[in-house]
Amino acid sequence: MDDKRVTLDDLASIVADRAAGGGPPSYTRSLIEKGVAKCAQKLGEEAVETALAAVGADTKAVVSESADLLYHLLVLLHARGIPLEDIYAELGRRTARSGIEEKTSRSAG
């Protein structure tokens, strides 16, 4: 069995390539062509499906839905023109201090 690990960076590149077109029609391109609202709708649907799977007994369903959720998040970020590096930078900023401190700073501003 080929256990190729795909990182978020890999997936973001795949999304960008498919969104750019040039190849055969793709689901990614069709979503992005439908606009940000459709991409956001799909992300929301996948978030709900992931949450529902998480409270169930089927671990494989949680894994599958989580993969769908990450894919749709990257499609939405691409549609909005937000590079994954911006998300990494924000996570880095947030993890530079405790979660309680970080949450307090967001609610104070």
PDB file of N, CA and C in Angstrom:
ATOM      1  N   MET A   1       0.842  -1.188   0.000  1.00  0.00           N
ATOM      2  CA  MET A   1       0.000   0.000   0.000  1.00  0.00           C
ATOM      3  C   MET A   1       0.884   1.248   0.000  1.00  0.00           C
ATOM      4  N   ASP A   2       0.610   2.182  -0.887  1.00  0.00           N
ATOM      5  CA  ASP A   2       1.359   3.422  -0.972  1.00  0.00           C
ATOM      6  C   ASP A   2       0.833   4.383   0.079  1.00  0.00           C
ATOM      7  N   ASP A   3       1.682   4.714   1.049  1.00  0.00           N
ATOM      8  CA  ASP A   3       1.285   5.588   2.150  1.00  0.00           C
ATOM      9  C   ASP A   3       1.898   6.969   1.951  1.00  0.00           C
ATOM     10  N   LYS A   4       1.629   7.587   0.798  1.00  0.00           N
ATOM     11  CA  LYS A   4       2.189   8.902   0.511  1.00  0.00           C
ATOM     12  C   LYS A   4       1.533   9.937   1.419  1.00  0.00           C
ATOM     13  N   ARG A   5       2.352  10.634   2.139  1.00  0.00           N
ATOM     14  CA  ARG A   5       1.865  11.693   3.011  1.00  0.00           C
ATOM     15  C   ARG A   5       1.723  12.973   2.203  1.00  0.00           C
ATOM     16  N   VAL A   6       0.569  13.582   2.283  1.00  0.00           N
ATOM     17  CA  VAL A   6       0.317  14.845   1.609  1.00  0.00           C
ATOM     18  C   VAL A   6       0.183  15.909   2.689  1.00  0.00           C
ATOM     19  N   THR A   7       1.027  16.927   2.602  1.00  0.00           N
ATOM     20  CA  THR A   7       0.967  18.011   3.576  1.00  0.00           C
ATOM     21  C   THR A   7      -0.075  19.040   3.139  1.00  0.00           C
ATOM     22  N   LEU A   8      -0.383  19.956   4.025  1.00  0.00           N
ATOM     23  CA  LEU A   8      -1.283  21.052   3.652  1.00  0.00           C
ATOM     24  C   LEU A   8      -0.664  21.883   2.531  1.00  0.00           C
ATOM     25  N   ASP A   9       0.655  22.053   2.567  1.00  0.00           N
ATOM     26  CA  ASP A   9       1.327  22.780   1.486  1.00  0.00           C
ATOM     27  C   ASP A   9       1.146  22.059   0.157  1.00  0.00           C
ATOM     28  N   ASP A  10       1.287  20.720   0.161  1.00  0.00           N
ATOM     29  CA  ASP A  10       1.067  19.931  -1.054  1.00  0.00           C
ATOM     30  C   ASP A  10      -0.354  20.127  -1.565  1.00  0.00           C
ATOM     31  N   LEU A  11      -1.308  20.023  -0.659  1.00  0.00           N
ATOM     32  CA  LEU A  11      -2.709  20.141  -1.054  1.00  0.00           C
ATOM     33  C   LEU A  11      -3.023  21.548  -1.561  1.00  0.00           C
ATOM     34  N   ALA A  12      -2.455  22.563  -0.936  1.00  0.00           N
ATOM     35  CA  ALA A  12      -2.661  23.939  -1.403  1.00  0.00           C
ATOM     36  C   ALA A  12      -2.116  24.102  -2.826  1.00  0.00           C
ATOM     37  N   SER A  13      -0.991  23.481  -3.117  1.00  0.00           N
ATOM     38  CA  SER A  13      -0.421  23.533  -4.476  1.00  0.00           C
ATOM     39  C   SER A  13      -1.315  22.826  -5.480  1.00  0.00           C
ATOM     40  N   ILE A  14      -1.856  21.689  -5.082  1.00  0.00           N
ATOM     41  CA  ILE A  14      -2.770  20.947  -5.957  1.00  0.00           C
ATOM     42  C   ILE A  14      -4.014  21.787  -6.241  1.00  0.00           C
ATOM     43  N   VAL A  15      -4.568  22.405  -5.195  1.00  0.00           N
ATOM     44  CA  VAL A  15      -5.742  23.270  -5.358  1.00  0.00           C
ATOM     45  C   VAL A  15      -5.414  24.407  -6.328  1.00  0.00           C
ATOM     46  N   ALA A  16      -4.280  25.054  -6.139  1.00  0.00           N
ATOM     47  CA  ALA A  16      -3.891  26.168  -7.016  1.00  0.00           C
ATOM     48  C   ALA A  16      -3.734  25.710  -8.462  1.00  0.00           C
ATOM     49  N   ASP A  17      -3.105  24.568  -8.657  1.00  0.00           N
ATOM     50  CA  ASP A  17      -2.909  24.040 -10.010  1.00  0.00           C
ATOM     51  C   ASP A  17      -4.245  23.736 -10.680  1.00  0.00           C
ATOM     52  N   ARG A  18      -5.127  23.102  -9.952  1.00  0.00           N
ATOM     53  CA  ARG A  18      -6.425  22.736 -10.540  1.00  0.00           C
ATOM     54  C   ARG A  18      -7.293  23.966 -10.763  1.00  0.00           C
ATOM     55  N   ALA A  19      -7.179  24.948  -9.877  1.00  0.00           N
ATOM     56  CA  ALA A  19      -7.953  26.179 -10.037  1.00  0.00           C
ATOM     57  C   ALA A  19      -7.492  26.954 -11.268  1.00  0.00           C
ATOM     58  N   ALA A  20      -6.207  26.861 -11.576  1.00  0.00           N
ATOM     59  CA  ALA A  20      -5.652  27.591 -12.714  1.00  0.00           C
ATOM     60  C   ALA A  20      -6.138  27.039 -14.047  1.00  0.00           C
ATOM     61  N   GLY A  21      -6.607  25.815 -14.046  1.00  0.00           N
ATOM     62  CA  GLY A  21      -7.137  25.224 -15.267  1.00  0.00           C
ATOM     63  C   GLY A  21      -6.047  24.721 -16.186  1.00  0.00           C
ATOM     64  N   GLY A  22      -6.378  24.634 -17.432  1.00  0.00           N
ATOM     65  CA  GLY A  22      -5.428  24.136 -18.406  1.00  0.00           C
ATOM     66  C   GLY A  22      -5.526  22.636 -18.607  1.00  0.00           C
ATOM     67  N   GLY A  23      -5.892  21.921 -17.570  1.00  0.00           N
ATOM     68  CA  GLY A  23      -6.031  20.471 -17.665  1.00  0.00           C
ATOM     69  C   GLY A  23      -7.487  20.090 -17.850  1.00  0.00           C
ATOM     70  N   PRO A  24      -7.773  18.844 -17.550  1.00  0.00           N
ATOM     71  CA  PRO A  24      -9.169  18.408 -17.643  1.00  0.00           C
ATOM     72  C   PRO A  24     -10.030  19.138 -16.610  1.00  0.00           C
ATOM     73  N   PRO A  25     -11.329  19.180 -16.826  1.00  0.00           N
ATOM     74  CA  PRO A  25     -12.213  19.826 -15.858  1.00  0.00           C
ATOM     75  C   PRO A  25     -11.999  19.231 -14.455  1.00  0.00           C
ATOM     76  N   SER A  26     -12.101  20.073 -13.449  1.00  0.00           N
ATOM     77  CA  SER A  26     -11.893  19.579 -12.093  1.00  0.00           C
ATOM     78  C   SER A  26     -12.964  20.120 -11.159  1.00  0.00           C
ATOM     79  N   TYR A  27     -13.228  19.362 -10.113  1.00  0.00           N
ATOM     80  CA  TYR A  27     -14.163  19.780  -9.076  1.00  0.00           C
ATOM     81  C   TYR A  27     -13.678  21.063  -8.414  1.00  0.00           C
ATOM     82  N   THR A  28     -12.379  21.140  -8.175  1.00  0.00           N
ATOM     83  CA  THR A  28     -11.801  22.322  -7.553  1.00  0.00           C
ATOM     84  C   THR A  28     -12.095  23.564  -8.383  1.00  0.00           C
ATOM     85  N   ARG A  29     -11.804  23.502  -9.659  1.00  0.00           N
ATOM     86  CA  ARG A  29     -12.038  24.649 -10.530  1.00  0.00           C
ATOM     87  C   ARG A  29     -13.516  25.014 -10.568  1.00  0.00           C
ATOM     88  N   SER A  30     -14.387  24.007 -10.625  1.00  0.00           N
ATOM     89  CA  SER A  30     -15.821  24.309 -10.681  1.00  0.00           C
ATOM     90  C   SER A  30     -16.297  25.002  -9.409  1.00  0.00           C
ATOM     91  N   LEU A  31     -15.759  24.599  -8.259  1.00  0.00           N
ATOM     92  CA  LEU A  31     -16.130  25.273  -7.004  1.00  0.00           C
ATOM     93  C   LEU A  31     -15.674  26.723  -7.010  1.00  0.00           C
ATOM     94  N   ILE A  32     -14.436  26.952  -7.363  1.00  0.00           N
ATOM     95  CA  ILE A  32     -13.888  28.304  -7.354  1.00  0.00           C
ATOM     96  C   ILE A  32     -14.615  29.192  -8.359  1.00  0.00           C
ATOM     97  N   GLU A  33     -14.982  28.642  -9.496  1.00  0.00           N
ATOM     98  CA  GLU A  33     -15.723  29.417 -10.493  1.00  0.00           C
ATOM     99  C   GLU A  33     -17.105  29.813  -9.993  1.00  0.00           C
ATOM    100  N   LYS A  34     -17.661  29.061  -9.043  1.00  0.00           N
ATOM    101  CA  LYS A  34     -18.969  29.387  -8.474  1.00  0.00           C
ATOM    102  C   LYS A  34     -18.883  30.488  -7.425  1.00  0.00           C
ATOM    103  N   GLY A  35     -17.670  30.835  -7.018  1.00  0.00           N
ATOM    104  CA  GLY A  35     -17.474  31.976  -6.127  1.00  0.00           C
ATOM    105  C   GLY A  35     -17.244  31.605  -4.676  1.00  0.00           C
ATOM    106  N   VAL A  36     -16.870  32.637  -3.943  1.00  0.00           N
ATOM    107  CA  VAL A  36     -16.518  32.482  -2.530  1.00  0.00           C
ATOM    108  C   VAL A  36     -17.699  31.957  -1.720  1.00  0.00           C
ATOM    109  N   ALA A  37     -18.895  32.448  -1.995  1.00  0.00           N
ATOM    110  CA  ALA A  37     -20.063  32.015  -1.207  1.00  0.00           C
ATOM    111  C   ALA A  37     -20.284  30.507  -1.323  1.00  0.00           C
ATOM    112  N   LYS A  38     -20.137  29.962  -2.520  1.00  0.00           N
ATOM    113  CA  LYS A  38     -20.310  28.514  -2.706  1.00  0.00           C
ATOM    114  C   LYS A  38     -19.197  27.753  -1.995  1.00  0.00           C
ATOM    115  N   CYS A  39     -17.973  28.269  -2.090  1.00  0.00           N
ATOM    116  CA  CYS A  39     -16.849  27.627  -1.390  1.00  0.00           C
ATOM    117  C   CYS A  39     -17.091  27.637   0.114  1.00  0.00           C
ATOM    118  N   ALA A  40     -17.596  28.748   0.631  1.00  0.00           N
ATOM    119  CA  ALA A  40     -17.883  28.860   2.067  1.00  0.00           C
ATOM    120  C   ALA A  40     -19.011  27.910   2.468  1.00  0.00           C
ATOM    121  N   GLN A  41     -20.011  27.788   1.627  1.00  0.00           N
ATOM    122  CA  GLN A  41     -21.111  26.857   1.896  1.00  0.00           C
ATOM    123  C   GLN A  41     -20.590  25.434   2.006  1.00  0.00           C
ATOM    124  N   LYS A  42     -19.752  25.042   1.057  1.00  0.00           N
ATOM    125  CA  LYS A  42     -19.198  23.678   1.085  1.00  0.00           C
ATOM    126  C   LYS A  42     -18.337  23.464   2.318  1.00  0.00           C
ATOM    127  N   LEU A  43     -17.547  24.469   2.705  1.00  0.00           N
ATOM    128  CA  LEU A  43     -16.738  24.357   3.917  1.00  0.00           C
ATOM    129  C   LEU A  43     -17.636  24.149   5.125  1.00  0.00           C
ATOM    130  N   GLY A  44     -18.708  24.910   5.213  1.00  0.00           N
ATOM    131  CA  GLY A  44     -19.648  24.763   6.331  1.00  0.00           C
ATOM    132  C   GLY A  44     -20.275  23.377   6.372  1.00  0.00           C
ATOM    133  N   GLU A  45     -20.666  22.865   5.220  1.00  0.00           N
ATOM    134  CA  GLU A  45     -21.242  21.520   5.155  1.00  0.00           C
ATOM    135  C   GLU A  45     -20.245  20.485   5.659  1.00  0.00           C
ATOM    136  N   GLU A  46     -19.001  20.620   5.206  1.00  0.00           N
ATOM    137  CA  GLU A  46     -17.976  19.660   5.632  1.00  0.00           C
ATOM    138  C   GLU A  46     -17.662  19.786   7.118  1.00  0.00           C
ATOM    139  N   ALA A  47     -17.718  20.996   7.653  1.00  0.00           N
ATOM    140  CA  ALA A  47     -17.485  21.190   9.085  1.00  0.00           C
ATOM    141  C   ALA A  47     -18.558  20.471   9.900  1.00  0.00           C
ATOM    142  N   VAL A  48     -19.802  20.593   9.478  1.00  0.00           N
ATOM    143  CA  VAL A  48     -20.898  19.904  10.172  1.00  0.00           C
ATOM    144  C   VAL A  48     -20.732  18.390  10.052  1.00  0.00           C
ATOM    145  N   GLU A  49     -20.404  17.909   8.861  1.00  0.00           N
ATOM    146  CA  GLU A  49     -20.218  16.466   8.675  1.00  0.00           C
ATOM    147  C   GLU A  49     -19.058  15.947   9.524  1.00  0.00           C
ATOM    148  N   THR A  50     -18.000  16.733   9.650  1.00  0.00           N
ATOM    149  CA  THR A  50     -16.872  16.329  10.484  1.00  0.00           C
ATOM    150  C   THR A  50     -17.281  16.277  11.953  1.00  0.00           C
ATOM    151  N   ALA A  51     -18.010  17.276  12.407  1.00  0.00           N
ATOM    152  CA  ALA A  51     -18.464  17.304  13.804  1.00  0.00           C
ATOM    153  C   ALA A  51     -19.386  16.125  14.095  1.00  0.00           C
ATOM    154  N   LEU A  52     -20.292  15.830  13.183  1.00  0.00           N
ATOM    155  CA  LEU A  52     -21.199  14.695  13.385  1.00  0.00           C
ATOM    156  C   LEU A  52     -20.432  13.379  13.407  1.00  0.00           C
ATOM    157  N   ALA A  53     -19.465  13.237  12.519  1.00  0.00           N
ATOM    158  CA  ALA A  53     -18.659  12.015  12.501  1.00  0.00           C
ATOM    159  C   ALA A  53     -17.865  11.872  13.792  1.00  0.00           C
ATOM    160  N   ALA A  54     -17.404  12.985  14.325  1.00  0.00           N
ATOM    161  CA  ALA A  54     -16.576  12.950  15.540  1.00  0.00           C
ATOM    162  C   ALA A  54     -17.312  12.373  16.744  1.00  0.00           C
ATOM    163  N   VAL A  55     -18.606  12.555  16.808  1.00  0.00           N
ATOM    164  CA  VAL A  55     -19.365  12.023  17.948  1.00  0.00           C
ATOM    165  C   VAL A  55     -19.880  10.615  17.685  1.00  0.00           C
ATOM    166  N   GLY A  56     -19.622  10.106  16.497  1.00  0.00           N
ATOM    167  CA  GLY A  56     -19.998   8.735  16.165  1.00  0.00           C
ATOM    168  C   GLY A  56     -18.870   7.777  16.509  1.00  0.00           C
ATOM    169  N   ALA A  57     -19.111   6.522  16.211  1.00  0.00           N
ATOM    170  CA  ALA A  57     -18.155   5.470  16.566  1.00  0.00           C
ATOM    171  C   ALA A  57     -17.168   5.140  15.451  1.00  0.00           C
ATOM    172  N   ASP A  58     -17.406   5.663  14.247  1.00  0.00           N
ATOM    173  CA  ASP A  58     -16.608   5.280  13.083  1.00  0.00           C
ATOM    174  C   ASP A  58     -15.408   6.206  12.911  1.00  0.00           C
ATOM    175  N   THR A  59     -14.246   5.768  13.336  1.00  0.00           N
ATOM    176  CA  THR A  59     -13.028   6.570  13.238  1.00  0.00           C
ATOM    177  C   THR A  59     -12.673   6.866  11.790  1.00  0.00           C
ATOM    178  N   LYS A  60     -12.897   5.910  10.902  1.00  0.00           N
ATOM    179  CA  LYS A  60     -12.601   6.138   9.481  1.00  0.00           C
ATOM    180  C   LYS A  60     -13.446   7.278   8.925  1.00  0.00           C
ATOM    181  N   ALA A  61     -14.667   7.410   9.384  1.00  0.00           N
ATOM    182  CA  ALA A  61     -15.527   8.515   8.941  1.00  0.00           C
ATOM    183  C   ALA A  61     -14.965   9.856   9.404  1.00  0.00           C
ATOM    184  N   VAL A  62     -14.439   9.904  10.618  1.00  0.00           N
ATOM    185  CA  VAL A  62     -13.834  11.140  11.119  1.00  0.00           C
ATOM    186  C   VAL A  62     -12.626  11.511  10.261  1.00  0.00           C
ATOM    187  N   VAL A  63     -11.809  10.529   9.937  1.00  0.00           N
ATOM    188  CA  VAL A  63     -10.628  10.775   9.103  1.00  0.00           C
ATOM    189  C   VAL A  63     -11.056  11.273   7.725  1.00  0.00           C
ATOM    190  N   SER A  64     -12.020  10.614   7.128  1.00  0.00           N
ATOM    191  CA  SER A  64     -12.485  10.979   5.797  1.00  0.00           C
ATOM    192  C   SER A  64     -13.087  12.386   5.780  1.00  0.00           C
ATOM    193  N   GLU A  65     -13.946  12.672   6.738  1.00  0.00           N
ATOM    194  CA  GLU A  65     -14.578  13.995   6.795  1.00  0.00           C
ATOM    195  C   GLU A  65     -13.559  15.082   7.111  1.00  0.00           C
ATOM    196  N   SER A  66     -12.565  14.761   7.932  1.00  0.00           N
ATOM    197  CA  SER A  66     -11.515  15.733   8.242  1.00  0.00           C
ATOM    198  C   SER A  66     -10.716  16.077   6.988  1.00  0.00           C
ATOM    199  N   ALA A  67     -10.430  15.083   6.174  1.00  0.00           N
ATOM    200  CA  ALA A  67      -9.727  15.330   4.916  1.00  0.00           C
ATOM    201  C   ALA A  67     -10.568  16.231   4.006  1.00  0.00           C
ATOM    202  N   ASP A  68     -11.869  15.960   3.931  1.00  0.00           N
ATOM    203  CA  ASP A  68     -12.764  16.807   3.136  1.00  0.00           C
ATOM    204  C   ASP A  68     -12.762  18.240   3.669  1.00  0.00           C
ATOM    205  N   LEU A  69     -12.802  18.382   4.983  1.00  0.00           N
ATOM    206  CA  LEU A  69     -12.826  19.700   5.613  1.00  0.00           C
ATOM    207  C   LEU A  69     -11.563  20.490   5.279  1.00  0.00           C
ATOM    208  N   LEU A  70     -10.409  19.863   5.397  1.00  0.00           N
ATOM    209  CA  LEU A  70      -9.157  20.549   5.085  1.00  0.00           C
ATOM    210  C   LEU A  70      -9.095  20.944   3.611  1.00  0.00           C
ATOM    211  N   TYR A  71      -9.530  20.045   2.738  1.00  0.00           N
ATOM    212  CA  TYR A  71      -9.556  20.355   1.305  1.00  0.00           C
ATOM    213  C   TYR A  71     -10.433  21.577   1.043  1.00  0.00           C
ATOM    214  N   HIS A  72     -11.640  21.578   1.595  1.00  0.00           N
ATOM    215  CA  HIS A  72     -12.562  22.690   1.337  1.00  0.00           C
ATOM    216  C   HIS A  72     -12.069  23.983   1.975  1.00  0.00           C
ATOM    217  N   LEU A  73     -11.368  23.912   3.088  1.00  0.00           N
ATOM    218  CA  LEU A  73     -10.767  25.104   3.676  1.00  0.00           C
ATOM    219  C   LEU A  73      -9.728  25.685   2.706  1.00  0.00           C
ATOM    220  N   LEU A  74      -8.892  24.832   2.136  1.00  0.00           N
ATOM    221  CA  LEU A  74      -7.876  25.312   1.205  1.00  0.00           C
ATOM    222  C   LEU A  74      -8.489  25.868  -0.079  1.00  0.00           C
ATOM    223  N   VAL A  75      -9.588  25.285  -0.526  1.00  0.00           N
ATOM    224  CA  VAL A  75     -10.289  25.831  -1.693  1.00  0.00           C
ATOM    225  C   VAL A  75     -10.818  27.230  -1.362  1.00  0.00           C
ATOM    226  N   LEU A  76     -11.424  27.387  -0.194  1.00  0.00           N
ATOM    227  CA  LEU A  76     -11.946  28.698   0.198  1.00  0.00           C
ATOM    228  C   LEU A  76     -10.818  29.723   0.321  1.00  0.00           C
ATOM    229  N   LEU A  77      -9.730  29.337   0.953  1.00  0.00           N
ATOM    230  CA  LEU A  77      -8.595  30.256   1.081  1.00  0.00           C
ATOM    231  C   LEU A  77      -8.099  30.681  -0.299  1.00  0.00           C
ATOM    232  N   HIS A  78      -8.004  29.731  -1.229  1.00  0.00           N
ATOM    233  CA  HIS A  78      -7.575  30.059  -2.588  1.00  0.00           C
ATOM    234  C   HIS A  78      -8.568  31.017  -3.243  1.00  0.00           C
ATOM    235  N   ALA A  79      -9.846  30.731  -3.098  1.00  0.00           N
ATOM    236  CA  ALA A  79     -10.870  31.586  -3.702  1.00  0.00           C
ATOM    237  C   ALA A  79     -10.798  33.011  -3.155  1.00  0.00           C
ATOM    238  N   ARG A  80     -10.424  33.145  -1.901  1.00  0.00           N
ATOM    239  CA  ARG A  80     -10.291  34.471  -1.273  1.00  0.00           C
ATOM    240  C   ARG A  80      -8.928  35.103  -1.520  1.00  0.00           C
ATOM    241  N   GLY A  81      -7.996  34.350  -2.113  1.00  0.00           N
ATOM    242  CA  GLY A  81      -6.670  34.885  -2.363  1.00  0.00           C
ATOM    243  C   GLY A  81      -5.803  34.956  -1.119  1.00  0.00           C
ATOM    244  N   ILE A  82      -6.074  34.081  -0.161  1.00  0.00           N
ATOM    245  CA  ILE A  82      -5.324  34.056   1.090  1.00  0.00           C
ATOM    246  C   ILE A  82      -4.336  32.903   1.051  1.00  0.00           C
ATOM    247  N   PRO A  83      -3.033  33.212   1.053  1.00  0.00           N
ATOM    248  CA  PRO A  83      -2.052  32.121   1.025  1.00  0.00           C
ATOM    249  C   PRO A  83      -1.998  31.372   2.352  1.00  0.00           C
ATOM    250  N   LEU A  84      -1.717  30.088   2.253  1.00  0.00           N
ATOM    251  CA  LEU A  84      -1.606  29.245   3.442  1.00  0.00           C
ATOM    252  C   LEU A  84      -0.542  29.796   4.393  1.00  0.00           C
ATOM    253  N   GLU A  85       0.472  30.441   3.851  1.00  0.00           N
ATOM    254  CA  GLU A  85       1.522  31.030   4.684  1.00  0.00           C
ATOM    255  C   GLU A  85       0.951  32.048   5.665  1.00  0.00           C
ATOM    256  N   ASP A  86      -0.121  32.763   5.268  1.00  0.00           N
ATOM    257  CA  ASP A  86      -0.755  33.724   6.186  1.00  0.00           C
ATOM    258  C   ASP A  86      -1.379  33.000   7.377  1.00  0.00           C
ATOM    259  N   ILE A  87      -1.929  31.834   7.133  1.00  0.00           N
ATOM    260  CA  ILE A  87      -2.525  31.046   8.219  1.00  0.00           C
ATOM    261  C   ILE A  87      -1.418  30.532   9.134  1.00  0.00           C
ATOM    262  N   TYR A  88      -0.335  30.052   8.549  1.00  0.00           N
ATOM    263  CA  TYR A  88       0.803  29.602   9.355  1.00  0.00           C
ATOM    264  C   TYR A  88       1.332  30.742  10.227  1.00  0.00           C
ATOM    265  N   ALA A  89       1.433  31.935   9.652  1.00  0.00           N
ATOM    266  CA  ALA A  89       1.936  33.085  10.414  1.00  0.00           C
ATOM    267  C   ALA A  89       1.009  33.409  11.580  1.00  0.00           C
ATOM    268  N   GLU A  90      -0.283  33.353  11.342  1.00  0.00           N
ATOM    269  CA  GLU A  90      -1.244  33.632  12.419  1.00  0.00           C
ATOM    270  C   GLU A  90      -1.164  32.575  13.507  1.00  0.00           C
ATOM    271  N   LEU A  91      -1.041  31.314  13.103  1.00  0.00           N
ATOM    272  CA  LEU A  91      -0.887  30.251  14.101  1.00  0.00           C
ATOM    273  C   LEU A  91       0.398  30.445  14.904  1.00  0.00           C
ATOM    274  N   GLY A  92       1.462  30.854  14.239  1.00  0.00           N
ATOM    275  CA  GLY A  92       2.717  31.118  14.928  1.00  0.00           C
ATOM    276  C   GLY A  92       2.575  32.245  15.935  1.00  0.00           C
ATOM    277  N   ARG A  93       1.870  33.296  15.525  1.00  0.00           N
ATOM    278  CA  ARG A  93       1.636  34.421  16.429  1.00  0.00           C
ATOM    279  C   ARG A  93       0.840  33.976  17.648  1.00  0.00           C
ATOM    280  N   ARG A  94      -0.180  33.184  17.402  1.00  0.00           N
ATOM    281  CA  ARG A  94      -1.048  32.747  18.496  1.00  0.00           C
ATOM    282  C   ARG A  94      -0.362  31.779  19.439  1.00  0.00           C
ATOM    283  N   THR A  95       0.499  30.925  18.914  1.00  0.00           N
ATOM    284  CA  THR A  95       1.132  29.932  19.774  1.00  0.00           C
ATOM    285  C   THR A  95       2.371  30.477  20.487  1.00  0.00           C
ATOM    286  N   ALA A  96       2.700  31.739  20.233  1.00  0.00           N
ATOM    287  CA  ALA A  96       3.831  32.362  20.917  1.00  0.00           C
ATOM    288  C   ALA A  96       3.495  32.674  22.371  1.00  0.00           C
ATOM    289  N   ARG A  97       2.221  32.579  22.727  1.00  0.00           N
ATOM    290  CA  ARG A  97       1.795  32.783  24.113  1.00  0.00           C
ATOM    291  C   ARG A  97       0.714  31.781  24.441  1.00  0.00           C
ATOM    292  N   SER A  98       0.307  31.744  25.687  1.00  0.00           N
ATOM    293  CA  SER A  98      -0.686  30.750  26.095  1.00  0.00           C
ATOM    294  C   SER A  98      -2.027  31.014  25.420  1.00  0.00           C
ATOM    295  N   GLY A  99      -2.820  29.976  25.292  1.00  0.00           N
ATOM    296  CA  GLY A  99      -4.147  30.103  24.694  1.00  0.00           C
ATOM    297  C   GLY A  99      -5.042  31.057  25.457  1.00  0.00           C
ATOM    298  N   ILE A 100      -4.929  31.060  26.759  1.00  0.00           N
ATOM    299  CA  ILE A 100      -5.760  31.966  27.572  1.00  0.00           C
ATOM    300  C   ILE A 100      -5.364  33.417  27.298  1.00  0.00           C
ATOM    301  N   GLU A 101      -4.065  33.696  27.253  1.00  0.00           N
ATOM    302  CA  GLU A 101      -3.606  35.052  26.952  1.00  0.00           C
ATOM    303  C   GLU A 101      -4.065  35.466  25.556  1.00  0.00           C
ATOM    304  N   GLU A 102      -3.946  34.564  24.616  1.00  0.00           N
ATOM    305  CA  GLU A 102      -4.306  34.878  23.230  1.00  0.00           C
ATOM    306  C   GLU A 102      -5.784  35.185  23.117  1.00  0.00           C
ATOM    307  N   LYS A 103      -6.638  34.372  23.727  1.00  0.00           N
ATOM    308  CA  LYS A 103      -8.082  34.601  23.664  1.00  0.00           C
ATOM    309  C   LYS A 103      -8.465  35.899  24.351  1.00  0.00           C
ATOM    310  N   THR A 104      -7.834  36.204  25.480  1.00  0.00           N
ATOM    311  CA  THR A 104      -8.109  37.453  26.194  1.00  0.00           C
ATOM    312  C   THR A 104      -7.763  38.651  25.322  1.00  0.00           C
ATOM    313  N   SER A 105      -6.651  38.594  24.618  1.00  0.00           N
ATOM    314  CA  SER A 105      -6.249  39.711  23.772  1.00  0.00           C
ATOM    315  C   SER A 105      -7.230  39.926  22.626  1.00  0.00           C
ATOM    316  N   ARG A 106      -7.826  38.869  22.098  1.00  0.00           N
ATOM    317  CA  ARG A 106      -8.797  39.019  21.014  1.00  0.00           C
ATOM    318  C   ARG A 106     -10.094  39.627  21.509  1.00  0.00           C
ATOM    319  N   SER A 107     -10.547  39.262  22.712  1.00  0.00           N
ATOM    320  CA  SER A 107     -11.808  39.786  23.224  1.00  0.00           C
ATOM    321  C   SER A 107     -11.642  41.203  23.758  1.00  0.00           C
ATOM    322  N   ALA A 108     -10.426  41.595  24.115  1.00  0.00           N
ATOM    323  CA  ALA A 108     -10.183  42.932  24.635  1.00  0.00           C
ATOM    324  C   ALA A 108     -10.150  43.971  23.514  1.00  0.00           C
ATOM    325  N   GLY A 109      -9.833  43.527  22.296  1.00  0.00           N
ATOM    326  CA  GLY A 109      -9.679  44.491  21.193  1.00  0.00           C
ATOM    327  C   GLY A 109     -10.875  44.568  20.398  1.00  0.00           C
TER     328      GLY A 109
END
